[in-house]
Amino acid sequence: MADFTRFTGPGRYKIAKKSSTGVLHIDYRDTETLRRLLTPNGKIQSRKRTGLSAFEQRMASEAIKRARYMALMPYTSATV
């Protein structure tokens, strides 16, 4: 049997920030933080890998897709 390590823990990503009104927000312009959520091939990592909640994962994927559309992040892994 292989030993499986847990993906969550001290290395869990904290990408959602609360605004002054208490609303969670993930900024699509923060490309360095969003880049950590991508695999080396440029795919969006799963919730199991990132340790995000379902709500945060949806916000993160939306922000990554928006950053790609605005040409802040690449679609392919050629420049990741």
PDB file of N, CA and C in Angstrom:
ATOM      1  N   MET A   1       0.838  -1.187   0.000  1.00  0.00           N
ATOM      2  CA  MET A   1       0.000   0.000   0.000  1.00  0.00           C
ATOM      3  C   MET A   1       0.882   1.249   0.000  1.00  0.00           C
ATOM      4  N   ALA A   2       0.480   2.214  -0.741  1.00  0.00           N
ATOM      5  CA  ALA A   2       1.218   3.465  -0.779  1.00  0.00           C
ATOM      6  C   ALA A   2       0.753   4.375   0.349  1.00  0.00           C
ATOM      7  N   ASP A   3       1.675   5.162   0.845  1.00  0.00           N
ATOM      8  CA  ASP A   3       1.323   6.145   1.861  1.00  0.00           C
ATOM      9  C   ASP A   3       0.823   7.401   1.163  1.00  0.00           C
ATOM     10  N   PHE A   4      -0.360   7.823   1.528  1.00  0.00           N
ATOM     11  CA  PHE A   4      -0.922   9.032   0.953  1.00  0.00           C
ATOM     12  C   PHE A   4      -0.786  10.162   1.953  1.00  0.00           C
ATOM     13  N   THR A   5      -0.343  11.289   1.485  1.00  0.00           N
ATOM     14  CA  THR A   5      -0.229  12.458   2.349  1.00  0.00           C
ATOM     15  C   THR A   5      -1.456  13.328   2.169  1.00  0.00           C
ATOM     16  N   ARG A   6      -1.793  14.036   3.211  1.00  0.00           N
ATOM     17  CA  ARG A   6      -2.939  14.942   3.148  1.00  0.00           C
ATOM     18  C   ARG A   6      -2.529  16.204   2.416  1.00  0.00           C
ATOM     19  N   PHE A   7      -3.445  16.729   1.627  1.00  0.00           N
ATOM     20  CA  PHE A   7      -3.145  17.933   0.874  1.00  0.00           C
ATOM     21  C   PHE A   7      -3.407  19.185   1.691  1.00  0.00           C
ATOM     22  N   THR A   8      -4.282  19.101   2.677  1.00  0.00           N
ATOM     23  CA  THR A   8      -4.573  20.269   3.493  1.00  0.00           C
ATOM     24  C   THR A   8      -3.610  20.307   4.660  1.00  0.00           C
ATOM     25  N   GLY A   9      -3.624  21.377   5.380  1.00  0.00           N
ATOM     26  CA  GLY A   9      -2.736  21.503   6.524  1.00  0.00           C
ATOM     27  C   GLY A   9      -2.100  22.875   6.553  1.00  0.00           C
ATOM     28  N   PRO A  10      -0.872  22.957   7.042  1.00  0.00           N
ATOM     29  CA  PRO A  10      -0.258  24.272   7.175  1.00  0.00           C
ATOM     30  C   PRO A  10       0.000  24.969   5.850  1.00  0.00           C
ATOM     31  N   GLY A  11       0.108  24.215   4.755  1.00  0.00           N
ATOM     32  CA  GLY A  11       0.352  24.811   3.454  1.00  0.00           C
ATOM     33  C   GLY A  11      -0.912  25.200   2.715  1.00  0.00           C
ATOM     34  N   ARG A  12      -2.041  25.229   3.411  1.00  0.00           N
ATOM     35  CA  ARG A  12      -3.314  25.536   2.762  1.00  0.00           C
ATOM     36  C   ARG A  12      -3.303  26.960   2.219  1.00  0.00           C
ATOM     37  N   TYR A  13      -3.843  27.129   1.032  1.00  0.00           N
ATOM     38  CA  TYR A  13      -3.852  28.439   0.391  1.00  0.00           C
ATOM     39  C   TYR A  13      -4.883  29.348   1.034  1.00  0.00           C
ATOM     40  N   LYS A  14      -4.485  30.569   1.276  1.00  0.00           N
ATOM     41  CA  LYS A  14      -5.388  31.596   1.786  1.00  0.00           C
ATOM     42  C   LYS A  14      -5.490  32.668   0.709  1.00  0.00           C
ATOM     43  N   ILE A  15      -6.409  32.478  -0.204  1.00  0.00           N
ATOM     44  CA  ILE A  15      -6.498  33.415  -1.319  1.00  0.00           C
ATOM     45  C   ILE A  15      -7.709  34.316  -1.217  1.00  0.00           C
ATOM     46  N   ALA A  16      -8.724  33.903  -0.468  1.00  0.00           N
ATOM     47  CA  ALA A  16      -9.928  34.717  -0.348  1.00  0.00           C
ATOM     48  C   ALA A  16      -9.711  35.745   0.751  1.00  0.00           C
ATOM     49  N   LYS A  17      -9.934  36.994   0.426  1.00  0.00           N
ATOM     50  CA  LYS A  17      -9.758  38.075   1.392  1.00  0.00           C
ATOM     51  C   LYS A  17     -11.105  38.701   1.688  1.00  0.00           C
ATOM     52  N   LYS A  18     -11.317  39.030   2.944  1.00  0.00           N
ATOM     53  CA  LYS A  18     -12.562  39.695   3.311  1.00  0.00           C
ATOM     54  C   LYS A  18     -12.400  41.197   3.137  1.00  0.00           C
ATOM     55  N   SER A  19     -13.394  41.799   2.561  1.00  0.00           N
ATOM     56  CA  SER A  19     -13.378  43.249   2.424  1.00  0.00           C
ATOM     57  C   SER A  19     -13.877  43.869   3.724  1.00  0.00           C
ATOM     58  N   SER A  20     -13.947  45.168   3.764  1.00  0.00           N
ATOM     59  CA  SER A  20     -14.399  45.855   4.970  1.00  0.00           C
ATOM     60  C   SER A  20     -15.863  45.553   5.278  1.00  0.00           C
ATOM     61  N   THR A  21     -16.624  45.156   4.258  1.00  0.00           N
ATOM     62  CA  THR A  21     -18.032  44.806   4.480  1.00  0.00           C
ATOM     63  C   THR A  21     -18.204  43.350   4.900  1.00  0.00           C
ATOM     64  N   GLY A  22     -17.107  42.577   4.915  1.00  0.00           N
ATOM     65  CA  GLY A  22     -17.180  41.185   5.329  1.00  0.00           C
ATOM     66  C   GLY A  22     -17.448  40.210   4.210  1.00  0.00           C
ATOM     67  N   VAL A  23     -17.377  40.678   2.956  1.00  0.00           N
ATOM     68  CA  VAL A  23     -17.645  39.829   1.805  1.00  0.00           C
ATOM     69  C   VAL A  23     -16.318  39.230   1.326  1.00  0.00           C
ATOM     70  N   LEU A  24     -16.310  37.922   1.054  1.00  0.00           N
ATOM     71  CA  LEU A  24     -15.116  37.285   0.525  1.00  0.00           C
ATOM     72  C   LEU A  24     -14.901  37.702  -0.922  1.00  0.00           C
ATOM     73  N   HIS A  25     -13.628  37.909  -1.281  1.00  0.00           N
ATOM     74  CA  HIS A  25     -13.314  38.351  -2.628  1.00  0.00           C
ATOM     75  C   HIS A  25     -11.962  37.782  -3.037  1.00  0.00           C
ATOM     76  N   ILE A  26     -11.880  37.282  -4.258  1.00  0.00           N
ATOM     77  CA  ILE A  26     -10.617  36.850  -4.845  1.00  0.00           C
ATOM     78  C   ILE A  26     -10.365  37.748  -6.041  1.00  0.00           C
ATOM     79  N   ASP A  27      -9.233  38.442  -6.026  1.00  0.00           N
ATOM     80  CA  ASP A  27      -8.945  39.429  -7.061  1.00  0.00           C
ATOM     81  C   ASP A  27      -8.294  38.763  -8.267  1.00  0.00           C
ATOM     82  N   TYR A  28      -8.836  38.994  -9.445  1.00  0.00           N
ATOM     83  CA  TYR A  28      -8.287  38.400 -10.653  1.00  0.00           C
ATOM     84  C   TYR A  28      -6.985  39.064 -11.063  1.00  0.00           C
ATOM     85  N   ARG A  29      -6.682  40.235 -10.526  1.00  0.00           N
ATOM     86  CA  ARG A  29      -5.444  40.935 -10.872  1.00  0.00           C
ATOM     87  C   ARG A  29      -4.247  40.438 -10.075  1.00  0.00           C
ATOM     88  N   ASP A  30      -4.494  39.654  -9.022  1.00  0.00           N
ATOM     89  CA  ASP A  30      -3.414  39.098  -8.205  1.00  0.00           C
ATOM     90  C   ASP A  30      -2.940  37.796  -8.847  1.00  0.00           C
ATOM     91  N   THR A  31      -2.177  37.910  -9.921  1.00  0.00           N
ATOM     92  CA  THR A  31      -1.820  36.742 -10.713  1.00  0.00           C
ATOM     93  C   THR A  31      -0.817  35.835 -10.014  1.00  0.00           C
ATOM     94  N   GLU A  32       0.029  36.364  -9.156  1.00  0.00           N
ATOM     95  CA  GLU A  32       1.008  35.518  -8.463  1.00  0.00           C
ATOM     96  C   GLU A  32       0.307  34.540  -7.526  1.00  0.00           C
ATOM     97  N   THR A  33      -0.723  34.986  -6.850  1.00  0.00           N
ATOM     98  CA  THR A  33      -1.479  34.098  -5.972  1.00  0.00           C
ATOM     99  C   THR A  33      -2.281  33.091  -6.782  1.00  0.00           C
ATOM    100  N   LEU A  34      -2.895  33.543  -7.864  1.00  0.00           N
ATOM    101  CA  LEU A  34      -3.684  32.642  -8.694  1.00  0.00           C
ATOM    102  C   LEU A  34      -2.810  31.623  -9.415  1.00  0.00           C
ATOM    103  N   ARG A  35      -1.569  31.985  -9.708  1.00  0.00           N
ATOM    104  CA  ARG A  35      -0.661  31.082 -10.408  1.00  0.00           C
ATOM    105  C   ARG A  35      -0.325  29.854  -9.559  1.00  0.00           C
ATOM    106  N   ARG A  36      -0.391  30.015  -8.229  1.00  0.00           N
ATOM    107  CA  ARG A  36      -0.126  28.876  -7.341  1.00  0.00           C
ATOM    108  C   ARG A  36      -1.239  27.837  -7.404  1.00  0.00           C
ATOM    109  N   LEU A  37      -2.395  28.211  -7.909  1.00  0.00           N
ATOM    110  CA  LEU A  37      -3.523  27.293  -8.008  1.00  0.00           C
ATOM    111  C   LEU A  37      -3.526  26.514  -9.318  1.00  0.00           C
ATOM    112  N   LEU A  38      -2.507  26.724 -10.159  1.00  0.00           N
ATOM    113  CA  LEU A  38      -2.418  26.037 -11.434  1.00  0.00           C
ATOM    114  C   LEU A  38      -1.378  24.926 -11.365  1.00  0.00           C
ATOM    115  N   THR A  39      -1.595  23.883 -12.159  1.00  0.00           N
ATOM    116  CA  THR A  39      -0.597  22.832 -12.296  1.00  0.00           C
ATOM    117  C   THR A  39       0.505  23.339 -13.225  1.00  0.00           C
ATOM    118  N   PRO A  40       1.630  22.633 -13.298  1.00  0.00           N
ATOM    119  CA  PRO A  40       2.675  23.049 -14.251  1.00  0.00           C
ATOM    120  C   PRO A  40       2.208  23.074 -15.703  1.00  0.00           C
ATOM    121  N   ASN A  41       1.164  22.317 -16.016  1.00  0.00           N
ATOM    122  CA  ASN A  41       0.622  22.333 -17.380  1.00  0.00           C
ATOM    123  C   ASN A  41      -0.389  23.444 -17.605  1.00  0.00           C
ATOM    124  N   GLY A  42      -0.724  24.196 -16.576  1.00  0.00           N
ATOM    125  CA  GLY A  42      -1.655  25.312 -16.728  1.00  0.00           C
ATOM    126  C   GLY A  42      -3.086  24.990 -16.373  1.00  0.00           C
ATOM    127  N   LYS A  43      -3.359  23.798 -15.837  1.00  0.00           N
ATOM    128  CA  LYS A  43      -4.724  23.444 -15.443  1.00  0.00           C
ATOM    129  C   LYS A  43      -5.009  23.952 -14.031  1.00  0.00           C
ATOM    130  N   ILE A  44      -6.265  24.176 -13.752  1.00  0.00           N
ATOM    131  CA  ILE A  44      -6.680  24.594 -12.408  1.00  0.00           C
ATOM    132  C   ILE A  44      -6.675  23.369 -11.499  1.00  0.00           C
ATOM    133  N   GLN A  45      -6.010  23.492 -10.342  1.00  0.00           N
ATOM    134  CA  GLN A  45      -5.924  22.367  -9.420  1.00  0.00           C
ATOM    135  C   GLN A  45      -7.256  22.123  -8.739  1.00  0.00           C
ATOM    136  N   SER A  46      -7.427  20.908  -8.255  1.00  0.00           N
ATOM    137  CA  SER A  46      -8.685  20.518  -7.619  1.00  0.00           C
ATOM    138  C   SER A  46      -8.765  21.064  -6.199  1.00  0.00           C
ATOM    139  N   ARG A  47      -9.949  20.975  -5.633  1.00  0.00           N
ATOM    140  CA  ARG A  47     -10.167  21.395  -4.245  1.00  0.00           C
ATOM    141  C   ARG A  47      -9.358  20.554  -3.286  1.00  0.00           C
ATOM    142  N   LYS A  48      -9.194  19.306  -3.634  1.00  0.00           N
ATOM    143  CA  LYS A  48      -8.433  18.403  -2.772  1.00  0.00           C
ATOM    144  C   LYS A  48      -6.985  18.869  -2.651  1.00  0.00           C
ATOM    145  N   ARG A  49      -6.426  19.366  -3.729  1.00  0.00           N
ATOM    146  CA  ARG A  49      -5.047  19.846  -3.734  1.00  0.00           C
ATOM    147  C   ARG A  49      -4.913  21.205  -3.054  1.00  0.00           C
ATOM    148  N   THR A  50      -5.843  22.110  -3.338  1.00  0.00           N
ATOM    149  CA  THR A  50      -5.708  23.472  -2.836  1.00  0.00           C
ATOM    150  C   THR A  50      -6.220  23.630  -1.417  1.00  0.00           C
ATOM    151  N   GLY A  51      -7.174  22.782  -1.013  1.00  0.00           N
ATOM    152  CA  GLY A  51      -7.731  22.893   0.330  1.00  0.00           C
ATOM    153  C   GLY A  51      -8.762  23.994   0.458  1.00  0.00           C
ATOM    154  N   LEU A  52      -9.288  24.465  -0.648  1.00  0.00           N
ATOM    155  CA  LEU A  52     -10.290  25.525  -0.614  1.00  0.00           C
ATOM    156  C   LEU A  52     -11.679  24.925  -0.422  1.00  0.00           C
ATOM    157  N   SER A  53     -12.585  25.751   0.069  1.00  0.00           N
ATOM    158  CA  SER A  53     -13.975  25.312   0.153  1.00  0.00           C
ATOM    159  C   SER A  53     -14.589  25.383  -1.240  1.00  0.00           C
ATOM    160  N   ALA A  54     -15.779  24.845  -1.390  1.00  0.00           N
ATOM    161  CA  ALA A  54     -16.431  24.839  -2.701  1.00  0.00           C
ATOM    162  C   ALA A  54     -16.690  26.263  -3.183  1.00  0.00           C
ATOM    163  N   PHE A  55     -17.114  27.117  -2.284  1.00  0.00           N
ATOM    164  CA  PHE A  55     -17.389  28.516  -2.639  1.00  0.00           C
ATOM    165  C   PHE A  55     -16.103  29.220  -3.068  1.00  0.00           C
ATOM    166  N   GLU A  56     -15.014  29.022  -2.316  1.00  0.00           N
ATOM    167  CA  GLU A  56     -13.740  29.651  -2.653  1.00  0.00           C
ATOM    168  C   GLU A  56     -13.180  29.096  -3.958  1.00  0.00           C
ATOM    169  N   GLN A  57     -13.373  27.798  -4.202  1.00  0.00           N
ATOM    170  CA  GLN A  57     -12.883  27.189  -5.440  1.00  0.00           C
ATOM    171  C   GLN A  57     -13.609  27.756  -6.652  1.00  0.00           C
ATOM    172  N   ARG A  58     -14.912  27.966  -6.534  1.00  0.00           N
ATOM    173  CA  ARG A  58     -15.661  28.574  -7.641  1.00  0.00           C
ATOM    174  C   ARG A  58     -15.187  29.999  -7.890  1.00  0.00           C
ATOM    175  N   MET A  59     -14.945  30.743  -6.817  1.00  0.00           N
ATOM    176  CA  MET A  59     -14.449  32.108  -6.975  1.00  0.00           C
ATOM    177  C   MET A  59     -13.053  32.116  -7.591  1.00  0.00           C
ATOM    178  N   ALA A  60     -12.210  31.168  -7.189  1.00  0.00           N
ATOM    179  CA  ALA A  60     -10.847  31.098  -7.709  1.00  0.00           C
ATOM    180  C   ALA A  60     -10.845  30.743  -9.190  1.00  0.00           C
ATOM    181  N   SER A  61     -11.668  29.764  -9.578  1.00  0.00           N
ATOM    182  CA  SER A  61     -11.704  29.387 -10.988  1.00  0.00           C
ATOM    183  C   SER A  61     -12.256  30.520 -11.841  1.00  0.00           C
ATOM    184  N   GLU A  62     -13.241  31.234 -11.316  1.00  0.00           N
ATOM    185  CA  GLU A  62     -13.787  32.397 -12.027  1.00  0.00           C
ATOM    186  C   GLU A  62     -12.716  33.478 -12.191  1.00  0.00           C
ATOM    187  N   ALA A  63     -11.917  33.712 -11.142  1.00  0.00           N
ATOM    188  CA  ALA A  63     -10.857  34.721 -11.201  1.00  0.00           C
ATOM    189  C   ALA A  63      -9.763  34.302 -12.174  1.00  0.00           C
ATOM    190  N   ILE A  64      -9.412  33.025 -12.206  1.00  0.00           N
ATOM    191  CA  ILE A  64      -8.384  32.542 -13.135  1.00  0.00           C
ATOM    192  C   ILE A  64      -8.871  32.697 -14.570  1.00  0.00           C
ATOM    193  N   LYS A  65     -10.123  32.322 -14.820  1.00  0.00           N
ATOM    194  CA  LYS A  65     -10.666  32.447 -16.168  1.00  0.00           C
ATOM    195  C   LYS A  65     -10.753  33.915 -16.592  1.00  0.00           C
ATOM    196  N   ARG A  66     -11.096  34.780 -15.673  1.00  0.00           N
ATOM    197  CA  ARG A  66     -11.159  36.212 -15.984  1.00  0.00           C
ATOM    198  C   ARG A  66      -9.773  36.773 -16.267  1.00  0.00           C
ATOM    199  N   ALA A  67      -8.774  36.335 -15.477  1.00  0.00           N
ATOM    200  CA  ALA A  67      -7.400  36.793 -15.700  1.00  0.00           C
ATOM    201  C   ALA A  67      -6.862  36.290 -17.030  1.00  0.00           C
ATOM    202  N   ARG A  68      -7.243  35.088 -17.413  1.00  0.00           N
ATOM    203  CA  ARG A  68      -6.836  34.569 -18.715  1.00  0.00           C
ATOM    204  C   ARG A  68      -7.467  35.374 -19.839  1.00  0.00           C
ATOM    205  N   TYR A  69      -8.731  35.708 -19.689  1.00  0.00           N
ATOM    206  CA  TYR A  69      -9.430  36.484 -20.712  1.00  0.00           C
ATOM    207  C   TYR A  69      -8.826  37.877 -20.858  1.00  0.00           C
ATOM    208  N   MET A  70      -8.401  38.462 -19.738  1.00  0.00           N
ATOM    209  CA  MET A  70      -7.809  39.798 -19.760  1.00  0.00           C
ATOM    210  C   MET A  70      -6.326  39.767 -20.116  1.00  0.00           C
ATOM    211  N   ALA A  71      -5.803  38.585 -20.456  1.00  0.00           N
ATOM    212  CA  ALA A  71      -4.408  38.381 -20.875  1.00  0.00           C
ATOM    213  C   ALA A  71      -3.420  38.661 -19.748  1.00  0.00           C
ATOM    214  N   LEU A  72      -3.848  38.448 -18.503  1.00  0.00           N
ATOM    215  CA  LEU A  72      -2.935  38.572 -17.379  1.00  0.00           C
ATOM    216  C   LEU A  72      -2.255  37.241 -17.069  1.00  0.00           C
ATOM    217  N   MET A  73      -2.894  36.146 -17.485  1.00  0.00           N
ATOM    218  CA  MET A  73      -2.345  34.811 -17.289  1.00  0.00           C
ATOM    219  C   MET A  73      -2.479  34.044 -18.596  1.00  0.00           C
ATOM    220  N   PRO A  74      -1.567  33.086 -18.831  1.00  0.00           N
ATOM    221  CA  PRO A  74      -1.637  32.344 -20.089  1.00  0.00           C
ATOM    222  C   PRO A  74      -2.651  31.214 -20.025  1.00  0.00           C
ATOM    223  N   TYR A  75      -3.137  30.816 -21.180  1.00  0.00           N
ATOM    224  CA  TYR A  75      -4.031  29.655 -21.282  1.00  0.00           C
ATOM    225  C   TYR A  75      -3.219  28.363 -21.298  1.00  0.00           C
ATOM    226  N   THR A  76      -2.028  28.403 -21.889  1.00  0.00           N
ATOM    227  CA  THR A  76      -1.204  27.206 -22.046  1.00  0.00           C
ATOM    228  C   THR A  76      -0.040  27.235 -21.076  1.00  0.00           C
ATOM    229  N   SER A  77       0.689  26.116 -21.047  1.00  0.00           N
ATOM    230  CA  SER A  77       1.806  26.004 -20.116  1.00  0.00           C
ATOM    231  C   SER A  77       3.123  26.500 -20.723  1.00  0.00           C
ATOM    232  N   ALA A  78       3.088  27.045 -21.911  1.00  0.00           N
ATOM    233  CA  ALA A  78       4.320  27.460 -22.572  1.00  0.00           C
ATOM    234  C   ALA A  78       5.054  28.557 -21.801  1.00  0.00           C
ATOM    235  N   THR A  79       4.307  29.388 -21.086  1.00  0.00           N
ATOM    236  CA  THR A  79       4.940  30.485 -20.351  1.00  0.00           C
ATOM    237  C   THR A  79       4.722  30.409 -18.848  1.00  0.00           C
ATOM    238  N   VAL A  80       4.139  29.318 -18.352  1.00  0.00           N
ATOM    239  CA  VAL A  80       3.938  29.171 -16.909  1.00  0.00           C
ATOM    240  C   VAL A  80       5.243  28.778 -16.332  1.00  0.00           C
TER     241      VAL A  80
END
